[in-house]
């Protein structure tokens, strides 16, 4: 063991003796383990880090689709623009719903404009 591991171990033992771990949430309850068997072993740690940071596969897919639609919008003819804009709005709405379920705020001005248009039509 190197010096930092020894110091860490000593501090953990001291905290345990002082009872600092006694009132932690979930004390005495079994851990909820995730089934990560479908993820290759070398990618599991990266998957857990991204998941704990709030990134999911669905979110990533939606972001990629929105970016590709935005690129198509920049290069398309006027005939296709309306259809692409509608698809982009649908993806953006789904993305914002996903973020709001997680309790994350979205500051998308496009979403706010879209919401304002819907509200004005409903009135």
C-alpha atoms as a PDB file:
ATOM      1  CA  UNK A   1       0.000   0.000   0.000  1.00  0.00           C
ATOM      2  CA  UNK A   2       1.189   3.473  -0.718  1.00  0.00           C
ATOM      3  CA  UNK A   3       0.983   6.387   1.687  1.00  0.00           C
ATOM      4  CA  UNK A   4      -2.376   7.731   0.441  1.00  0.00           C
ATOM      5  CA  UNK A   5      -4.093   4.364   0.767  1.00  0.00           C
ATOM      6  CA  UNK A   6      -2.835   4.023   4.345  1.00  0.00           C
ATOM      7  CA  UNK A   7      -4.064   7.498   5.253  1.00  0.00           C
ATOM      8  CA  UNK A   8      -7.448   6.783   3.654  1.00  0.00           C
ATOM      9  CA  UNK A   9      -7.798   3.464   5.460  1.00  0.00           C
ATOM     10  CA  UNK A  10      -6.897   5.058   8.808  1.00  0.00           C
ATOM     11  CA  UNK A  11      -9.448   7.840   8.349  1.00  0.00           C
ATOM     12  CA  UNK A  12     -12.170   5.370   7.383  1.00  0.00           C
ATOM     13  CA  UNK A  13     -11.417   3.198  10.438  1.00  0.00           C
ATOM     14  CA  UNK A  14     -11.446   6.255  12.705  1.00  0.00           C
ATOM     15  CA  UNK A  15     -14.785   7.455  11.254  1.00  0.00           C
ATOM     16  CA  UNK A  16     -16.242   3.964  11.715  1.00  0.00           C
ATOM     17  CA  UNK A  17     -15.107   3.855  15.351  1.00  0.00           C
ATOM     18  CA  UNK A  18     -16.528   7.345  15.970  1.00  0.00           C
ATOM     19  CA  UNK A  19     -19.906   6.183  14.634  1.00  0.00           C
ATOM     20  CA  UNK A  20     -20.045   8.520  11.640  1.00  0.00           C
ATOM     21  CA  UNK A  21     -21.481   5.751   9.447  1.00  0.00           C
ATOM     22  CA  UNK A  22     -24.275   4.769  11.854  1.00  0.00           C
ATOM     23  CA  UNK A  23     -27.088   7.025  10.590  1.00  0.00           C
ATOM     24  CA  UNK A  24     -26.595   6.809   6.845  1.00  0.00           C
ATOM     25  CA  UNK A  25     -29.704   6.369   4.668  1.00  0.00           C
ATOM     26  CA  UNK A  26     -30.308   2.738   3.791  1.00  0.00           C
ATOM     27  CA  UNK A  27     -28.320   1.441   6.766  1.00  0.00           C
ATOM     28  CA  UNK A  28     -28.974  -2.277   7.241  1.00  0.00           C
ATOM     29  CA  UNK A  29     -30.945  -2.606   3.993  1.00  0.00           C
ATOM     30  CA  UNK A  30     -29.778  -4.723   1.057  1.00  0.00           C
ATOM     31  CA  UNK A  31     -28.165  -2.950  -1.874  1.00  0.00           C
ATOM     32  CA  UNK A  32     -30.145  -2.616  -5.088  1.00  0.00           C
ATOM     33  CA  UNK A  33     -27.879  -4.139  -7.709  1.00  0.00           C
ATOM     34  CA  UNK A  34     -28.340  -3.476 -11.406  1.00  0.00           C
ATOM     35  CA  UNK A  35     -28.158  -6.218 -13.994  1.00  0.00           C
ATOM     36  CA  UNK A  36     -25.344  -5.096 -16.266  1.00  0.00           C
ATOM     37  CA  UNK A  37     -24.811  -8.488 -17.888  1.00  0.00           C
ATOM     38  CA  UNK A  38     -25.903  -7.156 -21.296  1.00  0.00           C
ATOM     39  CA  UNK A  39     -23.120  -4.542 -21.247  1.00  0.00           C
ATOM     40  CA  UNK A  40     -19.578  -5.653 -22.088  1.00  0.00           C
ATOM     41  CA  UNK A  41     -17.367  -5.791 -19.004  1.00  0.00           C
ATOM     42  CA  UNK A  42     -14.916  -3.177 -20.282  1.00  0.00           C
ATOM     43  CA  UNK A  43     -17.763  -0.648 -20.820  1.00  0.00           C
ATOM     44  CA  UNK A  44     -19.630  -1.127 -17.541  1.00  0.00           C
ATOM     45  CA  UNK A  45     -17.771   1.521 -15.570  1.00  0.00           C
ATOM     46  CA  UNK A  46     -18.247   4.109 -18.328  1.00  0.00           C
ATOM     47  CA  UNK A  47     -21.937   3.165 -18.541  1.00  0.00           C
ATOM     48  CA  UNK A  48     -22.391   3.593 -14.777  1.00  0.00           C
ATOM     49  CA  UNK A  49     -20.612   6.961 -14.808  1.00  0.00           C
ATOM     50  CA  UNK A  50     -22.768   8.267 -17.640  1.00  0.00           C
ATOM     51  CA  UNK A  51     -25.948   6.904 -16.099  1.00  0.00           C
ATOM     52  CA  UNK A  52     -25.144   8.416 -12.686  1.00  0.00           C
ATOM     53  CA  UNK A  53     -24.428  11.731 -14.410  1.00  0.00           C
ATOM     54  CA  UNK A  54     -27.890  11.615 -15.964  1.00  0.00           C
ATOM     55  CA  UNK A  55     -27.079  10.586 -19.526  1.00  0.00           C
ATOM     56  CA  UNK A  56     -29.071   7.736 -21.019  1.00  0.00           C
ATOM     57  CA  UNK A  57     -29.125   6.009 -24.357  1.00  0.00           C
ATOM     58  CA  UNK A  58     -32.518   7.471 -25.212  1.00  0.00           C
ATOM     59  CA  UNK A  59     -31.323  10.995 -24.453  1.00  0.00           C
ATOM     60  CA  UNK A  60     -28.213  10.499 -26.558  1.00  0.00           C
ATOM     61  CA  UNK A  61     -30.229   9.089 -29.463  1.00  0.00           C
ATOM     62  CA  UNK A  62     -32.635  12.033 -29.343  1.00  0.00           C
ATOM     63  CA  UNK A  63     -29.747  14.517 -29.312  1.00  0.00           C
ATOM     64  CA  UNK A  64     -28.137  12.855 -32.335  1.00  0.00           C
ATOM     65  CA  UNK A  65     -31.423  12.788 -34.239  1.00  0.00           C
ATOM     66  CA  UNK A  66     -32.062  16.471 -33.473  1.00  0.00           C
ATOM     67  CA  UNK A  67     -28.570  17.387 -34.657  1.00  0.00           C
ATOM     68  CA  UNK A  68     -28.983  15.464 -37.912  1.00  0.00           C
ATOM     69  CA  UNK A  69     -32.381  17.079 -38.556  1.00  0.00           C
ATOM     70  CA  UNK A  70     -30.888  20.509 -37.875  1.00  0.00           C
ATOM     71  CA  UNK A  71     -28.116  19.771 -40.386  1.00  0.00           C
ATOM     72  CA  UNK A  72     -30.720  18.681 -42.932  1.00  0.00           C
ATOM     73  CA  UNK A  73     -32.713  21.861 -42.305  1.00  0.00           C
ATOM     74  CA  UNK A  74     -29.664  23.968 -43.128  1.00  0.00           C
ATOM     75  CA  UNK A  75     -29.186  22.180 -46.450  1.00  0.00           C
ATOM     76  CA  UNK A  76     -32.744  21.441 -47.585  1.00  0.00           C
ATOM     77  CA  UNK A  77     -35.024  23.033 -50.131  1.00  0.00           C
ATOM     78  CA  UNK A  78     -38.056  25.043 -49.052  1.00  0.00           C
ATOM     79  CA  UNK A  79     -40.395  22.157 -49.941  1.00  0.00           C
ATOM     80  CA  UNK A  80     -38.958  19.831 -47.292  1.00  0.00           C
ATOM     81  CA  UNK A  81     -38.360  22.456 -44.631  1.00  0.00           C
ATOM     82  CA  UNK A  82     -41.832  22.258 -43.077  1.00  0.00           C
ATOM     83  CA  UNK A  83     -41.738  18.470 -42.684  1.00  0.00           C
ATOM     84  CA  UNK A  84     -38.238  18.566 -41.174  1.00  0.00           C
ATOM     85  CA  UNK A  85     -39.206  21.366 -38.800  1.00  0.00           C
ATOM     86  CA  UNK A  86     -42.186  19.316 -37.640  1.00  0.00           C
ATOM     87  CA  UNK A  87     -39.933  16.302 -36.998  1.00  0.00           C
ATOM     88  CA  UNK A  88     -37.455  18.486 -35.116  1.00  0.00           C
ATOM     89  CA  UNK A  89     -40.236  19.917 -32.960  1.00  0.00           C
ATOM     90  CA  UNK A  90     -41.469  16.406 -32.128  1.00  0.00           C
ATOM     91  CA  UNK A  91     -37.972  15.262 -31.133  1.00  0.00           C
ATOM     92  CA  UNK A  92     -37.428  18.411 -29.101  1.00  0.00           C
ATOM     93  CA  UNK A  93     -40.730  17.944 -27.327  1.00  0.00           C
ATOM     94  CA  UNK A  94     -39.842  14.320 -26.490  1.00  0.00           C
ATOM     95  CA  UNK A  95     -36.380  15.401 -25.272  1.00  0.00           C
ATOM     96  CA  UNK A  96     -37.855  18.089 -23.026  1.00  0.00           C
ATOM     97  CA  UNK A  97     -40.388  15.635 -21.615  1.00  0.00           C
ATOM     98  CA  UNK A  98     -37.563  13.231 -20.833  1.00  0.00           C
ATOM     99  CA  UNK A  99     -35.588  15.977 -19.100  1.00  0.00           C
ATOM    100  CA  UNK A 100     -38.574  17.199 -17.096  1.00  0.00           C
ATOM    101  CA  UNK A 101     -39.266  13.647 -15.858  1.00  0.00           C
ATOM    102  CA  UNK A 102     -35.774  13.681 -14.392  1.00  0.00           C
ATOM    103  CA  UNK A 103     -36.376  17.072 -12.819  1.00  0.00           C
ATOM    104  CA  UNK A 104     -33.893  18.854 -15.053  1.00  0.00           C
ATOM    105  CA  UNK A 105     -34.742  22.278 -16.379  1.00  0.00           C
ATOM    106  CA  UNK A 106     -34.420  22.954 -20.078  1.00  0.00           C
ATOM    107  CA  UNK A 107     -33.753  26.450 -21.331  1.00  0.00           C
ATOM    108  CA  UNK A 108     -34.582  25.726 -24.915  1.00  0.00           C
ATOM    109  CA  UNK A 109     -35.891  28.860 -26.578  1.00  0.00           C
ATOM    110  CA  UNK A 110     -37.186  26.740 -29.452  1.00  0.00           C
ATOM    111  CA  UNK A 111     -39.295  24.726 -27.010  1.00  0.00           C
ATOM    112  CA  UNK A 112     -40.633  27.903 -25.414  1.00  0.00           C
ATOM    113  CA  UNK A 113     -41.567  29.308 -28.832  1.00  0.00           C
ATOM    114  CA  UNK A 114     -43.232  26.042 -29.774  1.00  0.00           C
ATOM    115  CA  UNK A 115     -45.119  25.986 -26.489  1.00  0.00           C
ATOM    116  CA  UNK A 116     -46.270  29.581 -27.047  1.00  0.00           C
ATOM    117  CA  UNK A 117     -47.595  28.653 -30.502  1.00  0.00           C
ATOM    118  CA  UNK A 118     -49.520  25.710 -29.072  1.00  0.00           C
ATOM    119  CA  UNK A 119     -50.949  27.831 -26.254  1.00  0.00           C
ATOM    120  CA  UNK A 120     -52.089  30.508 -28.720  1.00  0.00           C
ATOM    121  CA  UNK A 121     -53.838  27.882 -30.881  1.00  0.00           C
ATOM    122  CA  UNK A 122     -55.621  26.402 -27.882  1.00  0.00           C
ATOM    123  CA  UNK A 123     -57.075  29.749 -26.818  1.00  0.00           C
END
